[in-house]
């Protein structure tokens, strides 16, 4: 994913290391645990790619700070998700609340939020985008939780994905360019990422003999679930799952994967067309779309 932006990511890592070293001594071990060494940095790469696609120049120090702010917002969402999902591990490492406790994790997420705003306090446009992002992420999480176990459809999934991951990548696009020109591209890229993640989760659960994955357990409307529950019997299992019903759901979601993959191909095509329509140098964005599309493999 970092193809072409290795130098910028090295600058970002150095920036985050300096930030953690300068943080409160009480919070520093938590921040080092959360930030250093495990991120895929896909969101910062999106910031850098959108900047490059519109300016034809390399990302500058201000863009690095904006990318760091986005990475901070993303990590706040991860801390909350891990607590909600009762996850003990993320990418093979103990989650923040399991390593340090619930209260330190919650207070740490508040600390990260404050510093995300401070990073962009010189830039009113960036402040507005970060504020918009936090509001939309909060509303999307509540919406997704309220709609759990309801047998809805693909358009409902699209709304949820667009407000959850879509809002994050919209912010990346806007912060990368300093304007709204690539907002729709970011929205489409975020939906694509969300859907690829949904498909990848089902493939992983099947490979592990699953049924206990968080989204299946909690009745979250993923893309494979939205396709699978068009079948009335599967919709009943989605609403009121039993242990055997969870296995049935997982089988039906596996059967829905080819249709989900075709739908993701359509979103990827939309994103590429938007890049061609708007960007001065669309090639970097098209490469980003194609790299994202491969995430479900």
Protein backbone atom coordinates (compact mmCIF):
# COMPACT_ATOMS: atom_id res chain seq x y z
CA UNK A 1 0.00 0.00 0.00
CA UNK A 2 2.93 2.33 0.62
CA UNK A 3 4.17 2.08 -2.95
CA UNK A 4 5.64 5.45 -3.92
CA UNK A 5 5.26 6.99 -0.46
CA UNK A 6 7.97 5.27 1.56
CA UNK A 7 9.71 8.58 2.31
CA UNK A 8 6.50 10.24 3.50
CA UNK A 9 5.64 7.27 5.71
CA UNK A 10 9.12 7.39 7.22
CA UNK A 11 8.49 11.07 8.02
CA UNK A 12 5.11 10.19 9.49
CA UNK A 13 6.59 7.49 11.74
CA UNK A 14 9.28 9.90 12.91
CA UNK A 15 6.62 12.53 13.60
CA UNK A 16 4.55 10.09 15.66
CA UNK A 17 7.62 8.97 17.58
CA UNK A 18 8.43 12.58 18.46
CA UNK A 19 4.81 13.12 19.46
CA UNK A 20 4.77 10.14 21.80
CA UNK A 21 8.11 11.14 23.32
CA UNK A 22 6.70 14.59 24.07
CA UNK A 23 3.42 13.31 25.52
CA UNK A 24 2.43 13.06 29.17
CA UNK A 25 4.62 10.58 31.06
CA UNK A 26 1.43 9.01 32.41
CA UNK A 27 0.08 8.33 28.92
CA UNK A 28 3.31 7.71 27.03
CA UNK A 29 3.41 3.89 27.48
CA UNK A 30 -0.18 3.63 26.20
CA UNK A 31 0.51 5.80 23.17
CA UNK A 32 3.66 3.90 22.28
CA UNK A 33 1.73 0.64 22.57
CA UNK A 34 -1.10 1.89 20.36
CA UNK A 35 0.85 3.70 17.65
CA UNK A 36 4.35 2.45 17.13
CA UNK A 37 4.99 -0.43 14.79
CA UNK A 38 1.61 -2.03 13.97
CA UNK A 39 -0.31 0.28 11.65
CA UNK A 40 -0.84 -0.37 7.95
CA UNK A 41 -1.05 3.44 7.46
CA UNK A 42 -3.58 3.06 4.68
CA UNK A 43 -5.33 6.31 5.62
CA UNK A 44 -2.16 8.42 5.60
CA UNK A 45 -1.24 6.89 2.24
CA UNK A 46 -4.63 8.05 0.97
CA UNK A 47 -3.86 11.58 2.18
CA UNK A 48 -0.52 11.49 0.37
CA UNK A 49 -1.98 10.00 -2.82
CA UNK A 50 -4.76 12.58 -3.04
CA UNK A 51 -2.27 15.41 -2.46
CA UNK A 52 -0.03 14.09 -5.22
CA UNK A 53 -2.92 13.49 -7.62
CA UNK A 54 -4.02 17.13 -7.44
CA UNK A 55 -0.80 19.07 -6.90
CA UNK A 56 1.74 17.07 -8.92
CA UNK A 57 4.16 17.72 -6.05
CA UNK A 58 5.36 15.75 -3.04
CA UNK A 59 3.47 16.00 0.28
CA UNK A 60 4.87 18.80 2.47
CA UNK A 61 5.20 19.13 6.27
CA UNK A 62 1.61 20.38 6.59
CA UNK A 63 0.37 17.28 4.76
CA UNK A 64 2.40 15.05 7.10
CA UNK A 65 0.71 16.72 10.09
CA UNK A 66 -2.72 16.24 8.51
CA UNK A 67 -1.94 12.57 7.88
CA UNK A 68 -0.85 12.18 11.51
CA UNK A 69 -4.13 13.76 12.67
CA UNK A 70 -6.13 11.29 10.56
CA UNK A 71 -4.09 8.41 11.96
CA UNK A 72 -4.92 9.65 15.46
CA UNK A 73 -8.66 9.78 14.72
CA UNK A 74 -8.43 6.27 13.28
CA UNK A 75 -6.77 4.99 16.44
CA UNK A 76 -9.45 6.56 18.63
CA UNK A 77 -12.01 4.57 16.63
CA UNK A 78 -9.94 1.38 17.03
CA UNK A 79 -9.77 1.76 20.82
CA UNK A 80 -13.55 2.18 21.01
CA UNK A 81 -14.20 -0.70 18.57
CA UNK A 82 -11.93 -3.04 20.52
CA UNK A 83 -13.75 -2.22 23.78
CA UNK A 84 -17.19 -2.65 22.17
CA UNK A 85 -16.19 -5.92 20.45
CA UNK A 86 -14.54 -7.24 23.63
CA UNK A 87 -11.46 -7.93 21.53
CA UNK A 88 -8.35 -9.11 23.36
CA UNK A 89 -6.02 -8.86 20.39
CA UNK A 90 -5.53 -6.69 17.31
CA UNK A 91 -2.98 -7.87 14.73
CA UNK A 92 -1.60 -10.35 17.23
CA UNK A 93 -1.01 -7.82 20.02
CA UNK A 94 -3.08 -7.18 23.14
CA UNK A 95 -5.59 -4.38 22.66
CA UNK A 96 -5.07 -1.20 24.63
CA UNK A 97 -7.82 -1.83 27.20
CA UNK A 98 -6.61 -5.39 27.80
CA UNK A 99 -3.00 -4.28 28.21
CA UNK A 100 -3.56 -1.19 30.38
CA UNK A 101 -7.17 -1.37 31.62
CA UNK A 102 -10.49 0.16 30.60
CA UNK A 103 -10.17 3.58 32.19
CA UNK A 104 -6.63 4.26 30.87
CA UNK A 105 -7.76 3.20 27.38
CA UNK A 106 -10.76 5.53 27.45
CA UNK A 107 -8.75 8.44 28.82
CA UNK A 108 -6.01 7.71 26.30
CA UNK A 109 -8.52 7.98 23.46
CA UNK A 110 -9.56 11.39 24.81
CA UNK A 111 -5.92 12.48 24.96
CA UNK A 112 -5.38 11.38 21.34
CA UNK A 113 -8.49 13.31 20.27
CA UNK A 114 -7.21 16.52 21.84
CA UNK A 115 -3.84 16.20 20.16
CA UNK A 116 -5.40 15.46 16.76
CA UNK A 117 -7.04 18.88 16.87
CA UNK A 118 -3.86 20.54 18.14
CA UNK A 119 -1.90 19.19 15.18
CA UNK A 120 -4.09 21.13 12.74
CA UNK A 121 -4.87 24.19 14.91
CA UNK A 122 -3.25 26.45 12.30
CA UNK A 123 -5.64 25.28 9.56
CA UNK A 124 -9.38 26.11 9.90
CA UNK A 125 -10.28 23.88 6.93
CA UNK A 126 -8.52 20.88 8.54
CA UNK A 127 -10.15 21.57 11.91
CA UNK A 128 -13.59 21.52 10.27
CA UNK A 129 -12.82 18.25 8.47
CA UNK A 130 -11.60 16.57 11.68
CA UNK A 131 -14.70 17.80 13.54
CA UNK A 132 -16.95 16.55 10.74
CA UNK A 133 -15.18 13.20 10.81
CA UNK A 134 -15.64 12.69 14.55
CA UNK A 135 -19.33 13.60 14.33
CA UNK A 136 -19.98 11.27 11.41
CA UNK A 137 -18.04 8.37 12.94
CA UNK A 138 -20.01 8.71 16.18
CA UNK A 139 -23.35 8.79 14.36
CA UNK A 140 -22.34 5.88 12.07
CA UNK A 141 -21.39 3.66 15.00
CA UNK A 142 -24.72 4.35 16.72
CA UNK A 143 -26.61 3.75 13.45
CA UNK A 144 -24.81 0.47 12.80
CA UNK A 145 -25.48 -0.72 16.35
CA UNK A 146 -29.17 0.32 16.23
CA UNK A 147 -29.67 -1.59 12.95
CA UNK A 148 -27.99 -4.80 14.10
CA UNK A 149 -29.97 -8.01 13.47
CA UNK A 150 -32.35 -6.18 11.12
CA UNK A 151 -32.58 -7.96 7.74
CA UNK A 152 -31.85 -4.96 5.52
CA UNK A 153 -30.34 -4.79 2.05
CA UNK A 154 -27.27 -3.76 0.10
CA UNK A 155 -28.37 -0.11 -0.17
CA UNK A 156 -28.61 0.01 3.62
CA UNK A 157 -25.12 -1.48 3.84
CA UNK A 158 -23.92 1.18 1.42
CA UNK A 159 -25.33 3.92 3.67
CA UNK A 160 -23.60 2.47 6.74
CA UNK A 161 -20.30 1.90 4.96
CA UNK A 162 -20.41 5.38 3.46
CA UNK A 163 -20.86 7.03 6.83
CA UNK A 164 -18.43 4.79 8.69
CA UNK A 165 -15.33 4.10 6.60
CA UNK A 166 -16.48 6.39 3.79
CA UNK A 167 -16.37 9.43 6.06
CA UNK A 168 -12.81 8.58 7.12
CA UNK A 169 -11.55 8.40 3.56
CA UNK A 170 -13.48 11.52 2.58
CA UNK A 171 -11.54 13.32 5.30
CA UNK A 172 -8.28 11.85 3.97
CA UNK A 173 -9.06 13.11 0.47
CA UNK A 174 -10.03 16.59 1.65
CA UNK A 175 -7.02 16.94 3.96
CA UNK A 176 -4.71 15.75 1.20
CA UNK A 177 -5.87 18.38 -1.28
CA UNK A 178 -6.99 21.17 1.05
CA UNK A 179 -10.36 21.36 -0.70
CA UNK A 180 -13.43 19.28 -1.57
CA UNK A 181 -12.52 18.20 -5.10
CA UNK A 182 -11.73 14.56 -4.26
CA UNK A 183 -14.39 14.11 -1.56
CA UNK A 184 -16.53 11.75 -3.65
CA UNK A 185 -13.47 9.74 -4.63
CA UNK A 186 -12.60 9.35 -0.94
CA UNK A 187 -16.17 8.30 -0.19
CA UNK A 188 -16.08 5.57 -2.82
CA UNK A 189 -12.62 4.41 -1.75
CA UNK A 190 -13.82 4.16 1.86
CA UNK A 191 -16.85 2.07 0.88
CA UNK A 192 -14.58 -0.18 -1.16
CA UNK A 193 -12.21 -0.61 1.79
CA UNK A 194 -15.15 -1.34 4.12
CA UNK A 195 -16.58 -3.95 1.77
CA UNK A 196 -13.23 -5.63 1.16
CA UNK A 197 -12.78 -5.83 4.92
CA UNK A 198 -16.24 -7.41 5.24
CA UNK A 199 -15.40 -10.03 2.63
CA UNK A 200 -11.98 -10.70 4.12
CA UNK A 201 -13.52 -11.23 7.57
CA UNK A 202 -15.88 -13.90 6.21
CA UNK A 203 -13.04 -15.67 4.40
CA UNK A 204 -10.99 -15.61 7.60
CA UNK A 205 -13.86 -16.94 9.70
CA UNK A 206 -14.48 -19.77 7.23
CA UNK A 207 -10.78 -20.64 7.15
CA UNK A 208 -10.76 -20.84 10.95
CA UNK A 209 -13.94 -22.90 11.06
CA UNK A 210 -15.59 -19.65 12.32
CA UNK A 211 -19.02 -18.73 13.54
CA UNK A 212 -17.70 -16.74 16.47
CA UNK A 213 -16.56 -13.67 14.60
CA UNK A 214 -17.72 -10.39 16.15
CA UNK A 215 -19.85 -9.13 13.25
CA UNK A 216 -21.70 -12.44 12.91
CA UNK A 217 -22.18 -12.67 16.67
CA UNK A 218 -23.47 -9.10 16.97
CA UNK A 219 -25.65 -9.13 13.86
CA UNK A 220 -23.77 -6.34 12.08
CA UNK A 221 -24.90 -5.65 8.51
CA UNK A 222 -21.80 -6.51 6.48
CA UNK A 223 -21.90 -6.70 2.68
CA UNK A 224 -21.98 -10.54 2.56
CA UNK A 225 -24.69 -10.53 5.24
CA UNK A 226 -26.79 -7.97 3.31
CA UNK A 227 -26.69 -10.27 0.27
CA UNK A 228 -27.20 -13.52 2.21
CA UNK A 229 -30.25 -12.34 4.17
CA UNK A 230 -32.26 -11.74 1.04
CA UNK A 231 -33.12 -15.40 1.62
CA UNK A 232 -36.06 -15.42 4.14
CA UNK A 233 -34.76 -18.36 6.19
CA UNK A 234 -31.35 -16.76 6.52
CA UNK A 235 -33.00 -13.46 7.47
CA UNK A 236 -34.76 -15.23 10.37
CA UNK A 237 -31.43 -16.65 11.57
CA UNK A 238 -29.89 -13.18 11.30
CA UNK A 239 -32.62 -11.73 13.53
CA UNK A 240 -32.61 -14.49 16.16
CA UNK A 241 -29.46 -16.57 15.89
CA UNK A 242 -28.85 -19.78 17.76
CA UNK A 243 -25.43 -21.46 17.96
CA UNK A 244 -26.44 -23.63 15.02
CA UNK A 245 -27.94 -20.56 13.35
CA UNK A 246 -24.61 -18.76 13.49
CA UNK A 247 -23.04 -21.62 11.55
CA UNK A 248 -25.91 -21.43 9.03
CA UNK A 249 -25.36 -17.68 8.68
CA UNK A 250 -21.66 -18.13 8.08
CA UNK A 251 -22.32 -20.74 5.37
CA UNK A 252 -24.80 -18.45 3.64
CA UNK A 253 -22.40 -15.51 3.87
CA UNK A 254 -19.71 -17.68 2.30
CA UNK A 255 -22.12 -18.50 -0.53
CA UNK A 256 -22.75 -14.75 -0.96
CA UNK A 257 -19.06 -13.95 -1.46
CA UNK A 258 -19.06 -14.11 -5.30
CA UNK A 259 -21.95 -11.62 -5.44
CA UNK A 260 -20.19 -9.42 -2.88
CA UNK A 261 -17.00 -9.47 -4.95
CA UNK A 262 -18.94 -8.43 -8.06
CA UNK A 263 -20.50 -5.55 -6.14
CA UNK A 264 -17.06 -4.44 -4.96
CA UNK A 265 -15.87 -4.47 -8.58
CA UNK A 266 -18.65 -1.98 -9.36
CA UNK A 267 -17.60 0.32 -6.52
CA UNK A 268 -13.97 0.11 -7.65
CA UNK A 269 -15.02 1.06 -11.19
CA UNK A 270 -16.97 4.04 -9.80
CA UNK A 271 -13.91 5.18 -7.85
CA UNK A 272 -11.62 4.88 -10.86
CA UNK A 273 -14.06 6.83 -13.03
CA UNK A 274 -14.22 9.58 -10.39
CA UNK A 275 -10.42 9.75 -10.28
CA UNK A 276 -10.28 10.07 -14.06
CA UNK A 277 -12.96 12.77 -13.98
CA UNK A 278 -11.44 15.01 -11.29
CA UNK A 279 -7.75 14.39 -10.65
CA UNK A 280 -4.91 16.10 -12.49
CA UNK A 281 -2.81 12.93 -12.16
CA UNK A 282 -5.36 10.12 -11.71
CA UNK A 283 -2.86 7.27 -12.06
CA UNK A 284 -1.82 7.39 -8.40
CA UNK A 285 -5.47 7.18 -7.33
CA UNK A 286 -6.28 4.35 -9.71
CA UNK A 287 -3.32 2.42 -8.30
CA UNK A 288 -4.71 3.07 -4.81
CA UNK A 289 -8.15 1.74 -5.82
CA UNK A 290 -6.65 -1.42 -7.31
CA UNK A 291 -4.48 -2.03 -4.27
CA UNK A 292 -7.56 -1.62 -2.07
CA UNK A 293 -9.60 -3.97 -4.22
CA UNK A 294 -7.00 -6.70 -3.65
CA UNK A 295 -7.55 -6.54 0.12
CA UNK A 296 -10.43 -9.03 -0.06
CA UNK A 297 -8.31 -11.70 -1.75
